[in-house]
N, C-alpha and C. Protein backbone atom coordinates (compact mmCIF):
# COMPACT_ATOMS: atom_id res chain seq x y z
N MET A 1 -45.15 -45.28 -8.14
CA MET A 1 -44.54 -44.01 -8.45
C MET A 1 -44.83 -42.99 -7.36
N LYS A 2 -46.09 -42.96 -6.92
CA LYS A 2 -46.48 -42.02 -5.89
C LYS A 2 -45.80 -42.36 -4.56
N ARG A 3 -45.65 -43.67 -4.32
CA ARG A 3 -45.00 -44.12 -3.08
C ARG A 3 -43.52 -43.73 -3.07
N ASN A 4 -42.84 -43.85 -4.21
CA ASN A 4 -41.43 -43.44 -4.30
C ASN A 4 -41.28 -41.95 -4.07
N LEU A 5 -42.19 -41.16 -4.62
CA LEU A 5 -42.14 -39.72 -4.43
C LEU A 5 -42.31 -39.36 -2.96
N MET A 6 -43.26 -40.03 -2.29
CA MET A 6 -43.48 -39.77 -0.86
C MET A 6 -42.26 -40.16 -0.03
N MET A 7 -41.59 -41.25 -0.39
CA MET A 7 -40.38 -41.68 0.34
C MET A 7 -39.27 -40.64 0.19
N TRP A 8 -39.09 -40.12 -1.02
CA TRP A 8 -38.05 -39.11 -1.25
C TRP A 8 -38.37 -37.82 -0.51
N VAL A 9 -39.62 -37.41 -0.48
CA VAL A 9 -40.00 -36.20 0.26
C VAL A 9 -39.76 -36.40 1.74
N LEU A 10 -40.14 -37.57 2.28
CA LEU A 10 -39.92 -37.86 3.69
C LEU A 10 -38.42 -37.87 4.01
N PHE A 11 -37.63 -38.48 3.13
CA PHE A 11 -36.18 -38.51 3.33
C PHE A 11 -35.59 -37.09 3.33
N ALA A 12 -36.04 -36.25 2.41
CA ALA A 12 -35.54 -34.88 2.34
C ALA A 12 -35.92 -34.08 3.58
N VAL A 13 -37.14 -34.26 4.08
CA VAL A 13 -37.57 -33.54 5.28
C VAL A 13 -36.75 -33.97 6.49
N VAL A 14 -36.55 -35.28 6.66
CA VAL A 14 -35.75 -35.78 7.79
C VAL A 14 -34.31 -35.29 7.67
N PHE A 15 -33.75 -35.33 6.49
CA PHE A 15 -32.38 -34.86 6.28
C PHE A 15 -32.26 -33.38 6.61
N PHE A 16 -33.23 -32.58 6.18
CA PHE A 16 -33.22 -31.14 6.45
C PHE A 16 -33.34 -30.86 7.94
N LEU A 17 -34.25 -31.53 8.62
CA LEU A 17 -34.47 -31.27 10.04
C LEU A 17 -33.28 -31.72 10.89
N THR A 18 -32.63 -32.82 10.55
CA THR A 18 -31.46 -33.24 11.33
C THR A 18 -30.28 -32.32 11.05
N GLY A 19 -30.20 -31.76 9.86
CA GLY A 19 -29.13 -30.80 9.57
C GLY A 19 -29.30 -29.52 10.34
N CYS A 20 -30.53 -29.08 10.56
CA CYS A 20 -30.80 -27.86 11.32
C CYS A 20 -30.56 -28.05 12.80
N ALA A 21 -30.64 -29.29 13.28
CA ALA A 21 -30.47 -29.54 14.72
C ALA A 21 -29.04 -29.30 15.16
N GLY A 22 -28.07 -29.44 14.27
CA GLY A 22 -26.67 -29.19 14.61
C GLY A 22 -26.17 -30.16 15.65
N GLY A 23 -25.53 -29.65 16.71
CA GLY A 23 -24.97 -30.50 17.76
C GLY A 23 -25.94 -30.80 18.87
N TYR A 24 -27.18 -30.37 18.76
CA TYR A 24 -28.13 -30.59 19.84
C TYR A 24 -28.51 -32.05 19.99
N LEU A 25 -28.52 -32.82 18.90
CA LEU A 25 -28.89 -34.23 19.00
C LEU A 25 -27.79 -35.05 19.62
N SER A 26 -26.53 -34.74 19.32
CA SER A 26 -25.42 -35.51 19.86
C SER A 26 -24.92 -34.97 21.18
N GLY A 27 -25.37 -33.79 21.59
CA GLY A 27 -24.96 -33.23 22.87
C GLY A 27 -23.72 -32.37 22.79
N SER A 28 -23.07 -32.29 21.65
CA SER A 28 -21.87 -31.47 21.52
C SER A 28 -22.17 -30.32 20.58
N ASN A 29 -21.47 -29.22 20.79
CA ASN A 29 -21.66 -28.05 19.93
C ASN A 29 -20.30 -27.69 19.36
N SER A 30 -20.03 -28.12 18.12
CA SER A 30 -18.73 -27.87 17.50
C SER A 30 -18.67 -26.53 16.81
N ALA A 31 -19.76 -25.79 16.79
CA ALA A 31 -19.79 -24.52 16.08
C ALA A 31 -19.12 -23.41 16.87
N GLY A 32 -18.82 -23.61 18.14
CA GLY A 32 -18.18 -22.58 18.95
C GLY A 32 -19.22 -21.70 19.60
N PRO A 33 -18.78 -20.64 20.26
CA PRO A 33 -19.73 -19.77 20.93
C PRO A 33 -20.62 -19.05 19.92
N SER A 34 -21.85 -18.79 20.32
CA SER A 34 -22.79 -18.21 19.38
C SER A 34 -22.49 -16.75 19.08
N GLY A 35 -21.66 -16.09 19.89
CA GLY A 35 -21.40 -14.67 19.70
C GLY A 35 -20.18 -14.36 18.88
N SER A 36 -19.46 -15.34 18.36
CA SER A 36 -18.23 -15.04 17.62
C SER A 36 -18.57 -14.61 16.20
N VAL A 37 -18.43 -13.31 15.96
CA VAL A 37 -18.73 -12.77 14.64
C VAL A 37 -17.47 -12.77 13.79
N LEU A 38 -16.40 -12.20 14.33
CA LEU A 38 -15.10 -12.20 13.67
C LEU A 38 -14.17 -13.03 14.53
N GLY A 39 -14.22 -14.35 14.43
CA GLY A 39 -13.57 -15.25 15.35
C GLY A 39 -12.10 -14.98 15.64
N LEU A 40 -11.38 -14.24 14.80
CA LEU A 40 -9.96 -14.03 15.03
C LEU A 40 -9.68 -13.28 16.32
N ALA A 41 -10.47 -12.30 16.66
CA ALA A 41 -10.21 -11.51 17.85
C ALA A 41 -10.42 -12.32 19.11
N GLU A 42 -11.36 -13.27 19.12
CA GLU A 42 -11.58 -14.07 20.32
C GLU A 42 -10.43 -15.04 20.53
N LYS A 43 -9.83 -15.54 19.47
CA LYS A 43 -8.70 -16.44 19.63
C LYS A 43 -7.51 -15.70 20.21
N ASP A 44 -7.37 -14.42 19.88
CA ASP A 44 -6.29 -13.62 20.43
C ASP A 44 -6.59 -13.20 21.85
N GLY A 45 -7.82 -13.36 22.31
CA GLY A 45 -8.18 -12.99 23.66
C GLY A 45 -8.54 -11.53 23.83
N GLY A 46 -8.61 -10.77 22.77
CA GLY A 46 -8.90 -9.34 22.88
C GLY A 46 -10.26 -8.99 22.35
N ALA A 47 -10.65 -7.77 22.64
CA ALA A 47 -11.94 -7.28 22.15
C ALA A 47 -11.75 -6.29 21.02
N ASN A 48 -10.54 -6.19 20.48
CA ASN A 48 -10.25 -5.26 19.38
C ASN A 48 -9.69 -6.04 18.20
N GLN A 49 -10.03 -5.60 17.01
CA GLN A 49 -9.47 -6.19 15.79
C GLN A 49 -9.39 -5.12 14.73
N THR A 50 -8.29 -5.10 13.98
CA THR A 50 -8.09 -4.15 12.91
C THR A 50 -8.28 -4.85 11.58
N VAL A 51 -9.13 -4.28 10.72
CA VAL A 51 -9.41 -4.85 9.41
C VAL A 51 -8.92 -3.86 8.36
N THR A 52 -8.19 -4.36 7.36
CA THR A 52 -7.68 -3.51 6.29
C THR A 52 -8.49 -3.77 5.02
N PHE A 53 -9.05 -2.72 4.46
CA PHE A 53 -9.76 -2.79 3.19
C PHE A 53 -8.83 -2.24 2.11
N GLU A 54 -8.88 -2.85 0.92
CA GLU A 54 -8.07 -2.37 -0.21
C GLU A 54 -8.95 -2.27 -1.44
N VAL A 55 -8.81 -1.16 -2.16
CA VAL A 55 -9.55 -0.98 -3.41
C VAL A 55 -8.59 -0.46 -4.47
N THR A 56 -8.98 -0.65 -5.72
CA THR A 56 -8.25 -0.09 -6.86
C THR A 56 -9.22 0.78 -7.64
N GLY A 57 -9.03 2.09 -7.55
CA GLY A 57 -9.86 3.02 -8.30
C GLY A 57 -9.31 3.20 -9.70
N LYS A 58 -10.18 3.42 -10.65
CA LYS A 58 -9.75 3.58 -12.04
C LYS A 58 -10.28 4.88 -12.60
N GLY A 59 -9.42 5.56 -13.36
CA GLY A 59 -9.79 6.81 -14.00
C GLY A 59 -9.28 6.83 -15.43
N LEU A 60 -9.92 7.63 -16.26
CA LEU A 60 -9.58 7.72 -17.68
C LEU A 60 -9.28 9.16 -18.04
N GLU A 61 -8.24 9.36 -18.84
CA GLU A 61 -7.91 10.70 -19.30
C GLU A 61 -9.02 11.22 -20.20
N PRO A 62 -9.55 12.41 -19.92
CA PRO A 62 -10.63 12.93 -20.76
C PRO A 62 -10.10 13.40 -22.12
N GLU A 63 -10.94 13.26 -23.12
CA GLU A 63 -10.56 13.70 -24.47
C GLU A 63 -10.62 15.21 -24.61
N THR A 64 -11.33 15.88 -23.73
CA THR A 64 -11.52 17.33 -23.85
C THR A 64 -10.46 18.13 -23.12
N SER A 65 -9.44 17.48 -22.58
CA SER A 65 -8.40 18.23 -21.86
C SER A 65 -7.56 19.03 -22.84
N ILE A 66 -7.01 20.14 -22.35
CA ILE A 66 -6.25 21.04 -23.21
C ILE A 66 -4.83 20.53 -23.42
N THR A 67 -4.18 20.08 -22.33
CA THR A 67 -2.80 19.59 -22.43
C THR A 67 -2.74 18.16 -21.91
N LYS A 68 -1.63 17.50 -22.21
CA LYS A 68 -1.41 16.13 -21.73
C LYS A 68 -1.28 16.11 -20.21
N GLY A 69 -0.64 17.11 -19.63
CA GLY A 69 -0.50 17.19 -18.18
C GLY A 69 -1.84 17.31 -17.48
N GLU A 70 -2.72 18.13 -18.04
CA GLU A 70 -4.07 18.27 -17.47
C GLU A 70 -4.82 16.94 -17.54
N ALA A 71 -4.66 16.22 -18.64
CA ALA A 71 -5.33 14.93 -18.79
C ALA A 71 -4.85 13.93 -17.75
N ILE A 72 -3.53 13.93 -17.48
CA ILE A 72 -2.97 13.00 -16.50
C ILE A 72 -3.48 13.33 -15.10
N ILE A 73 -3.48 14.60 -14.75
CA ILE A 73 -3.95 15.01 -13.41
C ILE A 73 -5.43 14.70 -13.24
N MET A 74 -6.23 14.93 -14.28
CA MET A 74 -7.66 14.65 -14.17
C MET A 74 -7.93 13.14 -14.07
N ALA A 75 -7.12 12.33 -14.75
CA ALA A 75 -7.27 10.88 -14.65
C ALA A 75 -6.90 10.39 -13.25
N GLU A 76 -5.83 10.99 -12.66
CA GLU A 76 -5.45 10.62 -11.30
C GLU A 76 -6.55 10.97 -10.31
N ARG A 77 -7.11 12.16 -10.44
CA ARG A 77 -8.20 12.58 -9.53
C ARG A 77 -9.42 11.69 -9.70
N ALA A 78 -9.73 11.30 -10.93
CA ALA A 78 -10.87 10.41 -11.16
C ALA A 78 -10.62 9.03 -10.54
N ALA A 79 -9.38 8.54 -10.62
CA ALA A 79 -9.06 7.24 -10.03
C ALA A 79 -9.18 7.29 -8.51
N ILE A 80 -8.71 8.37 -7.90
CA ILE A 80 -8.80 8.51 -6.44
C ILE A 80 -10.26 8.62 -6.01
N MET A 81 -11.06 9.39 -6.73
CA MET A 81 -12.48 9.51 -6.38
C MET A 81 -13.21 8.18 -6.55
N ASP A 82 -12.83 7.41 -7.57
CA ASP A 82 -13.43 6.09 -7.75
C ASP A 82 -13.06 5.17 -6.59
N GLY A 83 -11.83 5.30 -6.08
CA GLY A 83 -11.43 4.52 -4.91
C GLY A 83 -12.25 4.89 -3.68
N TYR A 84 -12.47 6.18 -3.45
CA TYR A 84 -13.31 6.61 -2.34
C TYR A 84 -14.74 6.07 -2.48
N ARG A 85 -15.25 6.09 -3.69
CA ARG A 85 -16.60 5.56 -3.93
C ARG A 85 -16.67 4.08 -3.59
N GLN A 86 -15.65 3.33 -3.98
CA GLN A 86 -15.63 1.90 -3.68
C GLN A 86 -15.55 1.64 -2.17
N PHE A 87 -14.77 2.46 -1.44
CA PHE A 87 -14.72 2.32 0.02
C PHE A 87 -16.10 2.56 0.62
N ALA A 88 -16.76 3.61 0.17
CA ALA A 88 -18.09 3.93 0.72
C ALA A 88 -19.07 2.79 0.44
N GLU A 89 -18.99 2.20 -0.75
CA GLU A 89 -19.87 1.09 -1.07
C GLU A 89 -19.56 -0.14 -0.24
N LYS A 90 -18.27 -0.42 0.00
CA LYS A 90 -17.89 -1.59 0.79
C LYS A 90 -18.29 -1.45 2.25
N ILE A 91 -18.08 -0.28 2.81
CA ILE A 91 -18.25 -0.09 4.25
C ILE A 91 -19.69 0.26 4.60
N HIS A 92 -20.27 1.19 3.88
CA HIS A 92 -21.60 1.69 4.25
C HIS A 92 -22.72 1.01 3.48
N GLY A 93 -22.45 0.58 2.26
CA GLY A 93 -23.49 -0.05 1.44
C GLY A 93 -23.96 0.87 0.33
N VAL A 94 -24.87 0.38 -0.48
CA VAL A 94 -25.37 1.10 -1.64
C VAL A 94 -26.89 1.10 -1.61
N TYR A 95 -27.48 2.25 -1.86
CA TYR A 95 -28.92 2.36 -2.03
C TYR A 95 -29.21 2.27 -3.53
N VAL A 96 -30.02 1.31 -3.93
CA VAL A 96 -30.33 1.10 -5.34
C VAL A 96 -31.80 1.42 -5.56
N ASP A 97 -32.06 2.29 -6.53
CA ASP A 97 -33.42 2.65 -6.92
C ASP A 97 -33.59 2.26 -8.38
N ALA A 98 -34.48 1.31 -8.63
CA ALA A 98 -34.67 0.81 -10.00
C ALA A 98 -36.10 1.07 -10.45
N TYR A 99 -36.25 1.41 -11.72
CA TYR A 99 -37.56 1.67 -12.31
C TYR A 99 -37.59 1.07 -13.71
N MET A 100 -38.67 0.35 -14.01
CA MET A 100 -38.82 -0.22 -15.34
C MET A 100 -40.26 -0.05 -15.79
N LYS A 101 -40.44 0.39 -17.01
CA LYS A 101 -41.77 0.56 -17.58
C LYS A 101 -41.88 -0.35 -18.79
N SER A 102 -42.94 -1.15 -18.80
CA SER A 102 -43.12 -2.06 -19.92
C SER A 102 -44.56 -2.01 -20.40
N GLY A 103 -44.72 -2.41 -21.62
CA GLY A 103 -46.05 -2.47 -22.21
C GLY A 103 -46.02 -3.27 -23.49
N TYR A 104 -47.07 -3.99 -23.75
CA TYR A 104 -47.20 -4.82 -24.95
C TYR A 104 -46.05 -5.82 -25.09
N GLY A 105 -45.59 -6.34 -23.95
CA GLY A 105 -44.56 -7.38 -23.98
C GLY A 105 -43.14 -6.88 -24.19
N THR A 106 -42.92 -5.58 -24.21
CA THR A 106 -41.57 -5.05 -24.37
C THR A 106 -41.27 -4.05 -23.25
N ILE A 107 -40.00 -3.85 -23.00
CA ILE A 107 -39.58 -2.87 -22.00
C ILE A 107 -39.40 -1.54 -22.70
N ASN A 108 -40.15 -0.54 -22.27
CA ASN A 108 -40.08 0.78 -22.88
C ASN A 108 -39.02 1.66 -22.24
N HIS A 109 -38.87 1.55 -20.93
CA HIS A 109 -37.94 2.43 -20.22
C HIS A 109 -37.36 1.66 -19.04
N ASP A 110 -36.05 1.70 -18.87
CA ASP A 110 -35.38 1.01 -17.76
C ASP A 110 -34.36 1.97 -17.17
N MET A 111 -34.44 2.21 -15.85
CA MET A 111 -33.54 3.17 -15.22
C MET A 111 -33.11 2.62 -13.86
N ILE A 112 -31.82 2.67 -13.59
CA ILE A 112 -31.28 2.23 -12.30
C ILE A 112 -30.40 3.35 -11.77
N LYS A 113 -30.68 3.79 -10.54
CA LYS A 113 -29.87 4.81 -9.88
C LYS A 113 -29.26 4.20 -8.63
N THR A 114 -27.99 4.46 -8.41
CA THR A 114 -27.34 4.01 -7.18
C THR A 114 -26.85 5.22 -6.42
N ASN A 115 -26.86 5.11 -5.09
CA ASN A 115 -26.45 6.22 -4.26
C ASN A 115 -25.77 5.67 -3.02
N THR A 116 -24.69 6.28 -2.63
CA THR A 116 -24.02 5.91 -1.39
C THR A 116 -23.46 7.17 -0.76
N GLN A 117 -23.37 7.17 0.55
CA GLN A 117 -22.85 8.33 1.26
C GLN A 117 -22.15 7.83 2.52
N SER A 118 -20.95 8.31 2.76
CA SER A 118 -20.20 7.86 3.92
C SER A 118 -19.15 8.90 4.27
N TRP A 119 -18.74 8.90 5.53
CA TRP A 119 -17.67 9.76 6.01
C TRP A 119 -16.44 8.89 6.13
N LEU A 120 -15.41 9.16 5.32
CA LEU A 120 -14.19 8.35 5.32
C LEU A 120 -13.03 9.18 5.84
N ARG A 121 -12.28 8.60 6.77
CA ARG A 121 -11.11 9.28 7.31
C ARG A 121 -10.01 8.24 7.47
N GLY A 122 -8.80 8.60 7.10
CA GLY A 122 -7.67 7.71 7.27
C GLY A 122 -7.35 6.86 6.05
N VAL A 123 -7.85 7.24 4.88
CA VAL A 123 -7.56 6.49 3.66
C VAL A 123 -6.13 6.78 3.24
N GLU A 124 -5.40 5.72 2.92
CA GLU A 124 -3.99 5.84 2.53
C GLU A 124 -3.86 5.53 1.04
N LEU A 125 -3.32 6.49 0.28
CA LEU A 125 -3.06 6.29 -1.14
C LEU A 125 -1.72 5.59 -1.26
N VAL A 126 -1.74 4.34 -1.71
CA VAL A 126 -0.53 3.52 -1.75
C VAL A 126 0.26 3.75 -3.03
N GLU A 127 -0.43 3.71 -4.17
CA GLU A 127 0.28 3.79 -5.44
C GLU A 127 -0.66 4.29 -6.53
N ILE A 128 -0.09 5.05 -7.47
CA ILE A 128 -0.83 5.47 -8.67
C ILE A 128 -0.08 4.90 -9.87
N ARG A 129 -0.81 4.16 -10.71
CA ARG A 129 -0.21 3.55 -11.89
C ARG A 129 -0.85 4.14 -13.14
N HIS A 130 -0.01 4.48 -14.12
CA HIS A 130 -0.50 4.97 -15.41
C HIS A 130 -0.35 3.84 -16.42
N GLY A 131 -1.47 3.37 -16.95
CA GLY A 131 -1.46 2.26 -17.89
C GLY A 131 -1.63 2.72 -19.32
N ASN A 132 -1.92 1.76 -20.16
CA ASN A 132 -2.12 2.03 -21.59
C ASN A 132 -3.47 2.70 -21.83
N HIS A 133 -3.57 3.40 -22.93
CA HIS A 133 -4.82 4.01 -23.41
C HIS A 133 -5.36 5.06 -22.44
N GLY A 134 -4.50 5.68 -21.63
CA GLY A 134 -4.93 6.74 -20.73
C GLY A 134 -5.63 6.28 -19.47
N ILE A 135 -5.52 5.00 -19.13
CA ILE A 135 -6.16 4.46 -17.93
C ILE A 135 -5.21 4.61 -16.75
N THR A 136 -5.70 5.18 -15.66
CA THR A 136 -4.92 5.38 -14.44
C THR A 136 -5.57 4.59 -13.31
N GLU A 137 -4.75 3.91 -12.50
CA GLU A 137 -5.24 3.14 -11.35
C GLU A 137 -4.65 3.72 -10.07
N ALA A 138 -5.48 3.83 -9.05
CA ALA A 138 -5.05 4.28 -7.73
C ALA A 138 -5.33 3.17 -6.73
N ILE A 139 -4.29 2.66 -6.09
CA ILE A 139 -4.44 1.61 -5.08
C ILE A 139 -4.49 2.29 -3.72
N MET A 140 -5.54 1.98 -2.96
CA MET A 140 -5.78 2.68 -1.69
C MET A 140 -6.09 1.67 -0.59
N HIS A 141 -5.68 2.00 0.64
CA HIS A 141 -5.94 1.17 1.83
C HIS A 141 -6.70 1.97 2.86
N LEU A 142 -7.52 1.29 3.63
CA LEU A 142 -8.22 1.89 4.76
C LEU A 142 -8.25 0.86 5.88
N ARG A 143 -7.71 1.22 7.04
CA ARG A 143 -7.71 0.34 8.21
C ARG A 143 -8.74 0.86 9.20
N ILE A 144 -9.60 -0.03 9.66
CA ILE A 144 -10.62 0.33 10.64
C ILE A 144 -10.48 -0.59 11.84
N ASN A 145 -10.50 0.00 13.02
CA ASN A 145 -10.42 -0.75 14.26
C ASN A 145 -11.84 -1.09 14.71
N PHE A 146 -12.10 -2.37 14.98
CA PHE A 146 -13.40 -2.82 15.46
C PHE A 146 -13.28 -3.22 16.93
N THR A 147 -14.29 -2.88 17.72
CA THR A 147 -14.34 -3.21 19.14
C THR A 147 -15.58 -4.06 19.39
N LYS A 148 -15.40 -5.12 20.17
CA LYS A 148 -16.52 -6.00 20.47
C LYS A 148 -17.25 -5.49 21.70
N GLN A 149 -18.54 -5.23 21.53
CA GLN A 149 -19.40 -4.83 22.64
C GLN A 149 -20.57 -5.80 22.66
N GLY A 150 -20.58 -6.68 23.64
CA GLY A 150 -21.60 -7.72 23.68
C GLY A 150 -21.30 -8.75 22.61
N MET A 151 -22.26 -8.96 21.72
CA MET A 151 -22.08 -9.94 20.64
C MET A 151 -21.81 -9.28 19.30
N VAL A 152 -21.65 -7.96 19.26
CA VAL A 152 -21.54 -7.23 18.00
C VAL A 152 -20.19 -6.53 17.92
N TRP A 153 -19.57 -6.58 16.73
CA TRP A 153 -18.33 -5.85 16.47
C TRP A 153 -18.70 -4.50 15.88
N TRP A 154 -18.28 -3.40 16.54
CA TRP A 154 -18.60 -2.05 16.12
C TRP A 154 -17.33 -1.35 15.63
N PRO A 155 -17.40 -0.59 14.51
CA PRO A 155 -16.23 0.19 14.10
C PRO A 155 -15.98 1.29 15.12
N SER A 156 -14.71 1.39 15.55
CA SER A 156 -14.39 2.39 16.58
C SER A 156 -13.30 3.34 16.13
N GLY A 157 -13.11 3.51 14.84
CA GLY A 157 -12.13 4.47 14.34
C GLY A 157 -10.80 3.83 14.03
N LEU A 158 -9.80 4.68 13.96
CA LEU A 158 -8.47 4.21 13.58
C LEU A 158 -7.76 3.51 14.71
N GLY A 159 -8.00 3.90 15.95
CA GLY A 159 -7.33 3.27 17.08
C GLY A 159 -5.92 3.77 17.24
N SER A 160 -5.31 3.40 18.34
CA SER A 160 -3.95 3.86 18.63
C SER A 160 -2.91 2.80 18.30
N ASN A 161 -3.33 1.59 17.95
CA ASN A 161 -2.38 0.51 17.73
C ASN A 161 -2.11 0.24 16.25
N ILE A 162 -2.41 1.19 15.37
CA ILE A 162 -2.23 0.97 13.94
C ILE A 162 -0.89 1.55 13.51
N ALA A 163 -0.07 0.69 12.92
CA ALA A 163 1.23 1.12 12.39
C ALA A 163 1.13 1.21 10.88
N PRO A 164 1.90 2.10 10.24
CA PRO A 164 1.86 2.19 8.77
C PRO A 164 2.30 0.89 8.14
N MET A 165 1.74 0.59 6.98
CA MET A 165 2.08 -0.66 6.28
C MET A 165 3.37 -0.52 5.53
């Protein structure tokens, strides 16, 4: 039993180490150049690439609105703001702060705070849809031009080669 276990461990270690070696053992490297982060731009031969992000923001008509028109406008604004929040989370990231207090085998207090901050320019509002139960959706696009400097793709703004969709 112990001998079988040792054979399986040895087999797993050899399998893992040969997998990590990649093309170095056979002399060929099929993975391509080590610096290709977004391989599409290198195939085109350029150092620029445009990436389009799409989000769907959602908003709800508040119950405390005075008129139906005010409720619709507030739901649209909430959907657009939710779309901006999603862009900031996708592009810049999210800071998460979590706190939990427990005692005697139970959780007494659990709190999670998220925070994101970003400067967004060039967001295009494509469509606003009004659904059932007062739910409003805003479909939004953001195109960012990336430039390759060395081995890293850096966002370089909107660029001059972006045409409307």
